[in-house]
Amino acid sequence: LVAAITSRGSTNYADSVKGRFTISRDNAKNTVYLQMNILKPEDTAVYY
């Protein structure tokens, strides 16, 4: 798990990405986002 957001908007993050990644959702667009900043080689992965 990298990041999660509940139906009410509460969020939580893996320690490894805290302060660098931000999860958000736009219910009007049926979309969830993951903003990833200060990326590191160890962030390389398939994201689901």
All heavy atoms as atom14 arrays in JSON, in Angstrom:
{
  "sequence": "LVAAITSRGSTNYADSVKGRFTISRDNAKNTVYLQMNILKPEDTAVYY",
  "atom14_mask": [
    [1, 1, 1, 1, 1, 1, 1, 1, 0, 0, 0, 0, 0, 0],
    [1, 1, 1, 1, 1, 1, 1, 0, 0, 0, 0, 0, 0, 0],
    [1, 1, 1, 1, 1, 0, 0, 0, 0, 0, 0, 0, 0, 0],
    [1, 1, 1, 1, 1, 0, 0, 0, 0, 0, 0, 0, 0, 0],
    [1, 1, 1, 1, 1, 1, 1, 1, 0, 0, 0, 0, 0, 0],
    [1, 1, 1, 1, 1, 1, 1, 0, 0, 0, 0, 0, 0, 0],
    [1, 1, 1, 1, 1, 1, 0, 0, 0, 0, 0, 0, 0, 0],
    [1, 1, 1, 1, 1, 1, 1, 1, 1, 1, 1, 0, 0, 0],
    [1, 1, 1, 1, 0, 0, 0, 0, 0, 0, 0, 0, 0, 0],
    [1, 1, 1, 1, 1, 1, 0, 0, 0, 0, 0, 0, 0, 0],
    [1, 1, 1, 1, 1, 1, 1, 0, 0, 0, 0, 0, 0, 0],
    [1, 1, 1, 1, 1, 1, 1, 1, 0, 0, 0, 0, 0, 0],
    [1, 1, 1, 1, 1, 1, 1, 1, 1, 1, 1, 1, 0, 0],
    [1, 1, 1, 1, 1, 0, 0, 0, 0, 0, 0, 0, 0, 0],
    [1, 1, 1, 1, 1, 1, 1, 1, 0, 0, 0, 0, 0, 0],
    [1, 1, 1, 1, 1, 1, 0, 0, 0, 0, 0, 0, 0, 0],
    [1, 1, 1, 1, 1, 1, 1, 0, 0, 0, 0, 0, 0, 0],
    [1, 1, 1, 1, 1, 1, 1, 1, 1, 0, 0, 0, 0, 0],
    [1, 1, 1, 1, 0, 0, 0, 0, 0, 0, 0, 0, 0, 0],
    [1, 1, 1, 1, 1, 1, 1, 1, 1, 1, 1, 0, 0, 0],
    [1, 1, 1, 1, 1, 1, 1, 1, 1, 1, 1, 0, 0, 0],
    [1, 1, 1, 1, 1, 1, 1, 0, 0, 0, 0, 0, 0, 0],
    [1, 1, 1, 1, 1, 1, 1, 1, 0, 0, 0, 0, 0, 0],
    [1, 1, 1, 1, 1, 1, 0, 0, 0, 0, 0, 0, 0, 0],
    [1, 1, 1, 1, 1, 1, 1, 1, 1, 1, 1, 0, 0, 0],
    [1, 1, 1, 1, 1, 1, 1, 1, 0, 0, 0, 0, 0, 0],
    [1, 1, 1, 1, 1, 1, 1, 1, 0, 0, 0, 0, 0, 0],
    [1, 1, 1, 1, 1, 0, 0, 0, 0, 0, 0, 0, 0, 0],
    [1, 1, 1, 1, 1, 1, 1, 1, 1, 0, 0, 0, 0, 0],
    [1, 1, 1, 1, 1, 1, 1, 1, 0, 0, 0, 0, 0, 0],
    [1, 1, 1, 1, 1, 1, 1, 0, 0, 0, 0, 0, 0, 0],
    [1, 1, 1, 1, 1, 1, 1, 0, 0, 0, 0, 0, 0, 0],
    [1, 1, 1, 1, 1, 1, 1, 1, 1, 1, 1, 1, 0, 0],
    [1, 1, 1, 1, 1, 1, 1, 1, 0, 0, 0, 0, 0, 0],
    [1, 1, 1, 1, 1, 1, 1, 1, 1, 0, 0, 0, 0, 0],
    [1, 1, 1, 1, 1, 1, 1, 1, 0, 0, 0, 0, 0, 0],
    [1, 1, 1, 1, 1, 1, 1, 1, 0, 0, 0, 0, 0, 0],
    [1, 1, 1, 1, 1, 1, 1, 1, 0, 0, 0, 0, 0, 0],
    [1, 1, 1, 1, 1, 1, 1, 1, 0, 0, 0, 0, 0, 0],
    [1, 1, 1, 1, 1, 1, 1, 1, 1, 0, 0, 0, 0, 0],
    [1, 1, 1, 1, 1, 1, 1, 0, 0, 0, 0, 0, 0, 0],
    [1, 1, 1, 1, 1, 1, 1, 1, 1, 0, 0, 0, 0, 0],
    [1, 1, 1, 1, 1, 1, 1, 1, 0, 0, 0, 0, 0, 0],
    [1, 1, 1, 1, 1, 1, 1, 0, 0, 0, 0, 0, 0, 0],
    [1, 1, 1, 1, 1, 0, 0, 0, 0, 0, 0, 0, 0, 0],
    [1, 1, 1, 1, 1, 1, 1, 0, 0, 0, 0, 0, 0, 0],
    [1, 1, 1, 1, 1, 1, 1, 1, 1, 1, 1, 1, 0, 0],
    [1, 1, 1, 1, 1, 1, 1, 1, 1, 1, 1, 1, 0, 0]
  ],
  "atom14_positions": [
    [[0.84, -1.19, 0.0], [0.0, 0.0, 0.0], [0.88, 1.24, 0.0], [1.81, 1.36, 0.8], [-0.91, 0.01, 1.23], [-1.77, 1.26, 1.41], [-2.8, 1.38, 0.31], [-2.44, 1.23, 2.78], [0.0, 0.0, 0.0], [0.0, 0.0, 0.0], [0.0, 0.0, 0.0], [0.0, 0.0, 0.0], [0.0, 0.0, 0.0], [0.0, 0.0, 0.0]],
    [[0.56, 2.17, -0.88], [1.28, 3.44, -0.96], [0.48, 4.53, -0.25], [0.99, 5.26, 0.59], [1.52, 3.83, -2.42], [2.18, 5.21, -2.5], [2.39, 2.79, -3.11], [0.0, 0.0, 0.0], [0.0, 0.0, 0.0], [0.0, 0.0, 0.0], [0.0, 0.0, 0.0], [0.0, 0.0, 0.0], [0.0, 0.0, 0.0], [0.0, 0.0, 0.0]],
    [[-0.79, 4.64, -0.62], [-1.64, 5.68, -0.05], [-3.1, 5.27, -0.21], [-3.44, 4.54, -1.15], [-1.41, 7.02, -0.75], [0.0, 0.0, 0.0], [0.0, 0.0, 0.0], [0.0, 0.0, 0.0], [0.0, 0.0, 0.0], [0.0, 0.0, 0.0], [0.0, 0.0, 0.0], [0.0, 0.0, 0.0], [0.0, 0.0, 0.0], [0.0, 0.0, 0.0]],
    [[-3.93, 5.75, 0.7], [-5.35, 5.42, 0.64], [-6.17, 6.63, 1.05], [-5.72, 7.49, 1.81], [-5.66, 4.24, 1.56], [0.0, 0.0, 0.0], [0.0, 0.0, 0.0], [0.0, 0.0, 0.0], [0.0, 0.0, 0.0], [0.0, 0.0, 0.0], [0.0, 0.0, 0.0], [0.0, 0.0, 0.0], [0.0, 0.0, 0.0], [0.0, 0.0, 0.0]],
    [[-7.39, 6.67, 0.52], [-8.33, 7.73, 0.88], [-9.7, 7.11, 1.03], [-10.16, 6.37, 0.16], [-8.31, 8.87, -0.17], [-9.21, 10.02, 0.27], [-8.66, 8.37, -1.56], [-8.98, 11.3, -0.54], [0.0, 0.0, 0.0], [0.0, 0.0, 0.0], [0.0, 0.0, 0.0], [0.0, 0.0, 0.0], [0.0, 0.0, 0.0], [0.0, 0.0, 0.0]],
    [[-10.34, 7.37, 2.16], [-11.64, 6.77, 2.4], [-12.73, 7.52, 1.62], [-12.49, 8.58, 1.03], [-11.99, 6.8, 3.88], [-12.22, 8.17, 4.28], [-10.88, 6.2, 4.72], [0.0, 0.0, 0.0], [0.0, 0.0, 0.0], [0.0, 0.0, 0.0], [0.0, 0.0, 0.0], [0.0, 0.0, 0.0], [0.0, 0.0, 0.0], [0.0, 0.0, 0.0]],
    [[-13.93, 6.96, 1.66], [-15.05, 7.61, 0.99], [-15.35, 8.98, 1.6], [-15.93, 9.85, 0.94], [-16.3, 6.73, 1.08], [-16.64, 6.48, 2.43], [0.0, 0.0, 0.0], [0.0, 0.0, 0.0], [0.0, 0.0, 0.0], [0.0, 0.0, 0.0], [0.0, 0.0, 0.0], [0.0, 0.0, 0.0], [0.0, 0.0, 0.0], [0.0, 0.0, 0.0]],
    [[-14.92, 9.18, 2.84], [-15.14, 10.47, 3.51], [-13.95, 11.41, 3.39], [-13.99, 12.52, 3.89], [-15.47, 10.24, 4.99], [-16.76, 9.48, 5.2], [-17.16, 9.44, 6.66], [-18.45, 8.79, 6.86], [-19.07, 8.72, 8.03], [-18.53, 9.26, 9.1], [-20.24, 8.11, 8.13], [0.0, 0.0, 0.0], [0.0, 0.0, 0.0], [0.0, 0.0, 0.0]],
    [[-12.86, 10.93, 2.74], [-11.73, 11.82, 2.5], [-10.57, 11.7, 3.45], [-9.59, 12.43, 3.31], [0.0, 0.0, 0.0], [0.0, 0.0, 0.0], [0.0, 0.0, 0.0], [0.0, 0.0, 0.0], [0.0, 0.0, 0.0], [0.0, 0.0, 0.0], [0.0, 0.0, 0.0], [0.0, 0.0, 0.0], [0.0, 0.0, 0.0], [0.0, 0.0, 0.0]],
    [[-10.62, 10.78, 4.4], [-9.48, 10.56, 5.29], [-8.37, 9.84, 4.51], [-8.66, 8.95, 3.71], [-9.88, 9.73, 6.5], [-10.85, 10.42, 7.27], [0.0, 0.0, 0.0], [0.0, 0.0, 0.0], [0.0, 0.0, 0.0], [0.0, 0.0, 0.0], [0.0, 0.0, 0.0], [0.0, 0.0, 0.0], [0.0, 0.0, 0.0], [0.0, 0.0, 0.0]],
    [[-7.14, 10.24, 4.79], [-6.02, 9.69, 4.04], [-5.0, 9.02, 4.97], [-4.91, 9.35, 6.16], [-5.3, 10.78, 3.24], [-4.82, 11.78, 4.13], [-6.23, 11.42, 2.22], [0.0, 0.0, 0.0], [0.0, 0.0, 0.0], [0.0, 0.0, 0.0], [0.0, 0.0, 0.0], [0.0, 0.0, 0.0], [0.0, 0.0, 0.0], [0.0, 0.0, 0.0]],
    [[-4.25, 8.09, 4.42], [-3.09, 7.55, 5.11], [-2.04, 7.16, 4.08], [-2.38, 6.89, 2.91], [-3.45, 6.39, 6.03], [-3.86, 5.15, 5.28], [-4.96, 5.06, 4.78], [-2.97, 4.17, 5.21], [0.0, 0.0, 0.0], [0.0, 0.0, 0.0], [0.0, 0.0, 0.0], [0.0, 0.0, 0.0], [0.0, 0.0, 0.0], [0.0, 0.0, 0.0]],
    [[-0.79, 7.14, 4.52], [0.33, 6.93, 3.62], [1.33, 5.95, 4.21], [1.5, 5.86, 5.42], [1.06, 8.27, 3.39], [0.23, 9.32, 2.73], [-0.53, 10.22, 3.48], [0.18, 9.42, 1.34], [-1.31, 11.18, 2.86], [-0.59, 10.39, 0.71], [-1.33, 11.26, 1.49], [-2.1, 12.21, 0.86], [0.0, 0.0, 0.0], [0.0, 0.0, 0.0]],
    [[2.02, 5.26, 3.32], [3.17, 4.47, 3.74], [4.26, 5.43, 4.22], [4.41, 6.54, 3.69], [3.68, 3.64, 2.58], [0.0, 0.0, 0.0], [0.0, 0.0, 0.0], [0.0, 0.0, 0.0], [0.0, 0.0, 0.0], [0.0, 0.0, 0.0], [0.0, 0.0, 0.0], [0.0, 0.0, 0.0], [0.0, 0.0, 0.0], [0.0, 0.0, 0.0]],
    [[5.01, 4.99, 5.22], [6.06, 5.86, 5.77], [7.05, 6.29, 4.69], [7.58, 7.4, 4.73], [6.8, 5.13, 6.88], [5.97, 5.0, 8.15], [4.96, 5.74, 8.29], [6.33, 4.17, 9.01], [0.0, 0.0, 0.0], [0.0, 0.0, 0.0], [0.0, 0.0, 0.0], [0.0, 0.0, 0.0], [0.0, 0.0, 0.0], [0.0, 0.0, 0.0]],
    [[7.29, 5.43, 3.73], [8.3, 5.7, 2.71], [7.91, 6.84, 1.76], [8.77, 7.37, 1.06], [8.57, 4.44, 1.89], [7.4, 3.98, 1.26], [0.0, 0.0, 0.0], [0.0, 0.0, 0.0], [0.0, 0.0, 0.0], [0.0, 0.0, 0.0], [0.0, 0.0, 0.0], [0.0, 0.0, 0.0], [0.0, 0.0, 0.0], [0.0, 0.0, 0.0]],
    [[6.63, 7.21, 1.74], [6.2, 8.26, 0.81], [5.62, 9.48, 1.51], [5.29, 10.46, 0.84], [5.17, 7.71, -0.2], [5.71, 6.48, -0.9], [3.83, 7.43, 0.46], [0.0, 0.0, 0.0], [0.0, 0.0, 0.0], [0.0, 0.0, 0.0], [0.0, 0.0, 0.0], [0.0, 0.0, 0.0], [0.0, 0.0, 0.0], [0.0, 0.0, 0.0]],
    [[5.53, 9.44, 2.82], [4.99, 10.58, 3.56], [5.79, 11.84, 3.26], [7.01, 11.82, 3.28], [4.98, 10.3, 5.05], [3.86, 9.4, 5.51], [3.9, 9.18, 7.02], [2.77, 8.25, 7.45], [2.84, 7.95, 8.91], [0.0, 0.0, 0.0], [0.0, 0.0, 0.0], [0.0, 0.0, 0.0], [0.0, 0.0, 0.0], [0.0, 0.0, 0.0]],
    [[5.08, 12.92, 2.99], [5.73, 14.19, 2.68], [6.1, 14.35, 1.22], [6.47, 15.44, 0.8], [0.0, 0.0, 0.0], [0.0, 0.0, 0.0], [0.0, 0.0, 0.0], [0.0, 0.0, 0.0], [0.0, 0.0, 0.0], [0.0, 0.0, 0.0], [0.0, 0.0, 0.0], [0.0, 0.0, 0.0], [0.0, 0.0, 0.0], [0.0, 0.0, 0.0]],
    [[6.02, 13.27, 0.45], [6.36, 13.33, -0.99], [5.16, 13.07, -1.88], [5.04, 13.64, -2.96], [7.46, 12.32, -1.31], [8.75, 12.54, -0.56], [9.86, 11.62, -1.09], [9.56, 10.21, -0.93], [9.53, 9.33, -1.93], [9.78, 9.72, -3.17], [9.26, 8.05, -1.69], [0.0, 0.0, 0.0], [0.0, 0.0, 0.0], [0.0, 0.0, 0.0]],
    [[4.28, 12.18, -1.45], [3.11, 11.79, -2.26], [1.84, 12.33, -1.62], [1.73, 12.43, -0.39], [2.99, 10.27, -2.34], [4.05, 9.57, -3.14], [5.19, 10.23, -3.59], [3.9, 8.23, -3.45], [6.16, 9.57, -4.34], [4.87, 7.55, -4.19], [5.99, 8.22, -4.62], [0.0, 0.0, 0.0], [0.0, 0.0, 0.0], [0.0, 0.0, 0.0]],
    [[0.87, 12.65, -2.47], [-0.43, 13.12, -2.0], [-1.54, 12.41, -2.78], [-1.54, 12.43, -4.02], [-0.58, 14.63, -2.19], [0.48, 15.31, -1.48], [-1.92, 15.11, -1.63], [0.0, 0.0, 0.0], [0.0, 0.0, 0.0], [0.0, 0.0, 0.0], [0.0, 0.0, 0.0], [0.0, 0.0, 0.0], [0.0, 0.0, 0.0], [0.0, 0.0, 0.0]],
    [[-2.45, 11.8, -2.05], [-3.61, 11.17, -2.68], [-4.81, 12.11, -2.55], [-4.98, 12.79, -1.53], [-3.91, 9.8, -2.04], [-4.98, 9.05, -2.85], [-4.3, 9.93, -0.57], [-5.16, 7.58, -2.42], [0.0, 0.0, 0.0], [0.0, 0.0, 0.0], [0.0, 0.0, 0.0], [0.0, 0.0, 0.0], [0.0, 0.0, 0.0], [0.0, 0.0, 0.0]],
    [[-5.61, 12.15, -3.6], [-6.82, 12.97, -3.57], [-7.86, 12.32, -4.47], [-7.55, 11.43, -5.26], [-6.52, 14.4, -4.04], [-6.05, 14.42, -5.37], [0.0, 0.0, 0.0], [0.0, 0.0, 0.0], [0.0, 0.0, 0.0], [0.0, 0.0, 0.0], [0.0, 0.0, 0.0], [0.0, 0.0, 0.0], [0.0, 0.0, 0.0], [0.0, 0.0, 0.0]],
    [[-9.09, 12.78, -4.34], [-10.16, 12.22, -5.17], [-11.09, 13.33, -5.61], [-11.28, 14.32, -4.89], [-10.92, 11.13, -4.41], [-11.68, 11.59, -3.19], [-12.22, 10.4, -2.39], [-13.14, 9.58, -3.15], [-13.46, 8.31, -2.82], [-12.9, 7.74, -1.76], [-14.32, 7.63, -3.56], [0.0, 0.0, 0.0], [0.0, 0.0, 0.0], [0.0, 0.0, 0.0]],
    [[-11.65, 13.13, -6.79], [-12.66, 14.04, -7.33], [-13.87, 13.18, -7.67], [-13.9, 12.52, -8.72], [-12.12, 14.76, -8.56], [-13.08, 15.81, -9.1], [-14.28, 15.73, -8.81], [-12.62, 16.7, -9.83], [0.0, 0.0, 0.0], [0.0, 0.0, 0.0], [0.0, 0.0, 0.0], [0.0, 0.0, 0.0], [0.0, 0.0, 0.0], [0.0, 0.0, 0.0]],
    [[-14.84, 13.17, -6.78], [-16.0, 12.3, -6.97], [-16.83, 12.7, -8.19], [-17.48, 11.85, -8.81], [-16.86, 12.29, -5.72], [-16.21, 11.57, -4.55], [-15.32, 10.73, -4.74], [-16.62, 11.9, -3.34], [0.0, 0.0, 0.0], [0.0, 0.0, 0.0], [0.0, 0.0, 0.0], [0.0, 0.0, 0.0], [0.0, 0.0, 0.0], [0.0, 0.0, 0.0]],
    [[-16.8, 13.97, -8.55], [-17.55, 14.41, -9.73], [-16.95, 13.84, -11.01], [-17.66, 13.68, -12.01], [-17.56, 15.94, -9.78], [0.0, 0.0, 0.0], [0.0, 0.0, 0.0], [0.0, 0.0, 0.0], [0.0, 0.0, 0.0], [0.0, 0.0, 0.0], [0.0, 0.0, 0.0], [0.0, 0.0, 0.0], [0.0, 0.0, 0.0], [0.0, 0.0, 0.0]],
    [[-15.65, 13.54, -10.98], [-14.97, 12.99, -12.15], [-14.7, 11.49, -12.0], [-14.03, 10.9, -12.86], [-13.66, 13.72, -12.39], [-13.84, 15.19, -12.75], [-12.5, 15.86, -13.04], [-12.7, 17.3, -13.47], [-11.4, 17.98, -13.76], [0.0, 0.0, 0.0], [0.0, 0.0, 0.0], [0.0, 0.0, 0.0], [0.0, 0.0, 0.0], [0.0, 0.0, 0.0]],
    [[-15.18, 10.89, -10.91], [-14.95, 9.46, -10.67], [-13.46, 9.11, -10.73], [-13.08, 8.05, -11.25], [-15.72, 8.6, -11.68], [-17.21, 8.63, -11.45], [-17.7, 9.2, -10.48], [-17.95, 8.02, -12.36], [0.0, 0.0, 0.0], [0.0, 0.0, 0.0], [0.0, 0.0, 0.0], [0.0, 0.0, 0.0], [0.0, 0.0, 0.0], [0.0, 0.0, 0.0]],
    [[-12.63, 9.97, -10.19], [-11.19, 9.81, -10.35], [-10.46, 10.01, -9.02], [-10.82, 10.89, -8.23], [-10.66, 10.82, -11.38], [-11.3, 10.57, -12.65], [-9.15, 10.67, -11.57], [0.0, 0.0, 0.0], [0.0, 0.0, 0.0], [0.0, 0.0, 0.0], [0.0, 0.0, 0.0], [0.0, 0.0, 0.0], [0.0, 0.0, 0.0], [0.0, 0.0, 0.0]],
    [[-9.45, 9.18, -8.81], [-8.53, 9.34, -7.7], [-7.15, 9.61, -8.27], [-6.79, 9.05, -9.31], [-8.54, 8.11, -6.77], [-8.09, 6.85, -7.5], [-7.69, 8.35, -5.52], [0.0, 0.0, 0.0], [0.0, 0.0, 0.0], [0.0, 0.0, 0.0], [0.0, 0.0, 0.0], [0.0, 0.0, 0.0], [0.0, 0.0, 0.0], [0.0, 0.0, 0.0]],
    [[-6.42, 10.49, -7.6], [-5.09, 10.9, -8.08], [-4.01, 10.52, -7.07], [-4.26, 10.42, -5.88], [-5.06, 12.42, -8.28], [-6.12, 12.94, -9.22], [-7.31, 13.47, -8.73], [-5.94, 12.9, -10.6], [-8.29, 13.96, -9.59], [-6.9, 13.39, -11.46], [-8.08, 13.91, -10.94], [-9.04, 14.39, -11.8], [0.0, 0.0, 0.0], [0.0, 0.0, 0.0]],
    [[-2.81, 10.39, -7.59], [-1.64, 10.26, -6.73], [-0.58, 11.21, -7.28], [0.0, 10.95, -8.33], [-1.11, 8.83, -6.7], [0.04, 8.61, -5.72], [-0.44, 8.76, -4.28], [0.67, 7.23, -5.92], [0.0, 0.0, 0.0], [0.0, 0.0, 0.0], [0.0, 0.0, 0.0], [0.0, 0.0, 0.0], [0.0, 0.0, 0.0], [0.0, 0.0, 0.0]],
    [[-0.37, 12.3, -6.56], [0.68, 13.23, -6.92], [1.96, 12.77, -6.26], [2.02, 12.64, -5.04], [0.32, 14.65, -6.44], [1.4, 15.69, -6.73], [1.61, 15.94, -8.2], [0.65, 16.07, -8.96], [2.85, 16.0, -8.63], [0.0, 0.0, 0.0], [0.0, 0.0, 0.0], [0.0, 0.0, 0.0], [0.0, 0.0, 0.0], [0.0, 0.0, 0.0]],
    [[2.97, 12.53, -7.08], [4.24, 12.0, -6.59], [5.34, 13.01, -6.85], [5.61, 13.34, -8.02], [4.55, 10.67, -7.26], [3.44, 9.64, -7.13], [3.88, 8.03, -7.77], [4.07, 8.41, -9.52], [0.0, 0.0, 0.0], [0.0, 0.0, 0.0], [0.0, 0.0, 0.0], [0.0, 0.0, 0.0], [0.0, 0.0, 0.0], [0.0, 0.0, 0.0]],
    [[5.95, 13.5, -5.8], [7.03, 14.47, -5.9], [8.32, 13.88, -5.33], [8.29, 12.91, -4.57], [6.66, 15.75, -5.16], [5.44, 16.43, -5.71], [5.17, 16.38, -6.92], [4.66, 17.08, -4.85], [0.0, 0.0, 0.0], [0.0, 0.0, 0.0], [0.0, 0.0, 0.0], [0.0, 0.0, 0.0], [0.0, 0.0, 0.0], [0.0, 0.0, 0.0]],
    [[9.41, 14.51, -5.66], [10.74, 14.1, -5.17], [10.9, 12.59, -5.35], [11.24, 11.85, -4.43], [10.97, 14.51, -3.7], [10.44, 15.92, -3.44], [12.45, 14.44, -3.36], [10.52, 16.35, -1.99], [0.0, 0.0, 0.0], [0.0, 0.0, 0.0], [0.0, 0.0, 0.0], [0.0, 0.0, 0.0], [0.0, 0.0, 0.0], [0.0, 0.0, 0.0]],
    [[10.66, 12.14, -6.56], [10.71, 10.7, -6.83], [12.12, 10.16, -6.69], [13.11, 10.84, -7.02], [10.14, 10.4, -8.21], [8.61, 10.44, -8.25], [8.1, 10.63, -9.68], [8.03, 9.17, -7.65], [0.0, 0.0, 0.0], [0.0, 0.0, 0.0], [0.0, 0.0, 0.0], [0.0, 0.0, 0.0], [0.0, 0.0, 0.0], [0.0, 0.0, 0.0]],
    [[12.19, 8.93, -6.22], [13.45, 8.24, -5.99], [13.49, 6.97, -6.82], [12.43, 6.41, -7.15], [13.59, 7.87, -4.52], [13.45, 9.05, -3.57], [13.5, 8.57, -2.12], [13.34, 9.74, -1.14], [13.39, 9.27, 0.27], [0.0, 0.0, 0.0], [0.0, 0.0, 0.0], [0.0, 0.0, 0.0], [0.0, 0.0, 0.0], [0.0, 0.0, 0.0]],
    [[14.68, 6.46, -7.14], [14.75, 5.19, -7.89], [13.97, 4.07, -7.21], [13.39, 3.23, -7.92], [16.25, 4.91, -7.92], [16.89, 6.27, -7.87], [16.01, 7.07, -6.96], [0.0, 0.0, 0.0], [0.0, 0.0, 0.0], [0.0, 0.0, 0.0], [0.0, 0.0, 0.0], [0.0, 0.0, 0.0], [0.0, 0.0, 0.0], [0.0, 0.0, 0.0]],
    [[13.91, 4.06, -5.91], [13.18, 3.0, -5.2], [11.67, 3.14, -5.32], [10.93, 2.25, -4.87], [13.59, 2.95, -3.72], [13.52, 4.27, -2.99], [14.87, 4.97, -2.93], [15.59, 4.99, -3.95], [15.2, 5.52, -1.85], [0.0, 0.0, 0.0], [0.0, 0.0, 0.0], [0.0, 0.0, 0.0], [0.0, 0.0, 0.0], [0.0, 0.0, 0.0]],
    [[11.19, 4.2, -5.92], [9.76, 4.33, -6.21], [9.38, 3.62, -7.5], [8.19, 3.53, -7.84], [9.36, 5.81, -6.32], [9.5, 6.57, -5.02], [9.14, 6.01, -3.96], [9.99, 7.71, -5.05], [0.0, 0.0, 0.0], [0.0, 0.0, 0.0], [0.0, 0.0, 0.0], [0.0, 0.0, 0.0], [0.0, 0.0, 0.0], [0.0, 0.0, 0.0]],
    [[10.35, 3.11, -8.21], [10.09, 2.39, -9.46], [9.25, 1.15, -9.18], [9.61, 0.32, -8.34], [11.41, 1.99, -10.13], [12.11, 3.17, -10.53], [11.15, 1.11, -11.35], [0.0, 0.0, 0.0], [0.0, 0.0, 0.0], [0.0, 0.0, 0.0], [0.0, 0.0, 0.0], [0.0, 0.0, 0.0], [0.0, 0.0, 0.0], [0.0, 0.0, 0.0]],
    [[8.12, 1.05, -9.87], [7.19, -0.05, -9.65], [6.02, 0.09, -10.62], [5.85, 1.13, -11.27], [6.67, -0.04, -8.21], [0.0, 0.0, 0.0], [0.0, 0.0, 0.0], [0.0, 0.0, 0.0], [0.0, 0.0, 0.0], [0.0, 0.0, 0.0], [0.0, 0.0, 0.0], [0.0, 0.0, 0.0], [0.0, 0.0, 0.0], [0.0, 0.0, 0.0]],
    [[5.21, -0.96, -10.66], [3.9, -0.85, -11.28], [2.93, -0.38, -10.19], [2.88, -0.97, -9.11], [3.44, -2.18, -11.88], [2.03, -2.03, -12.46], [4.41, -2.66, -12.95], [0.0, 0.0, 0.0], [0.0, 0.0, 0.0], [0.0, 0.0, 0.0], [0.0, 0.0, 0.0], [0.0, 0.0, 0.0], [0.0, 0.0, 0.0], [0.0, 0.0, 0.0]],
    [[2.2, 0.68, -10.49], [1.27, 1.26, -9.54], [-0.15, 0.84, -9.9], [-0.58, 1.0, -11.05], [1.4, 2.78, -9.52], [2.63, 3.24, -8.77], [3.9, 3.04, -9.3], [2.53, 3.86, -7.53], [5.04, 3.44, -8.6], [3.66, 4.27, -6.82], [4.91, 4.05, -7.38], [6.04, 4.44, -6.68], [0.0, 0.0, 0.0], [0.0, 0.0, 0.0]],
    [[-0.85, 0.33, -8.9], [-2.19, -0.18, -9.1], [-3.2, 0.63, -8.29], [-2.94, 0.99, -7.14], [-2.29, -1.64, -8.66], [-1.44, -2.6, -9.43], [-0.15, -2.89, -9.02], [-1.93, -3.23, -10.58], [0.65, -3.79, -9.72], [-1.15, -4.13, -11.28], [0.13, -4.4, -10.85], [0.9, -5.29, -11.55], [0.0, 0.0, 0.0], [0.0, 0.0, 0.0]]
  ]
}
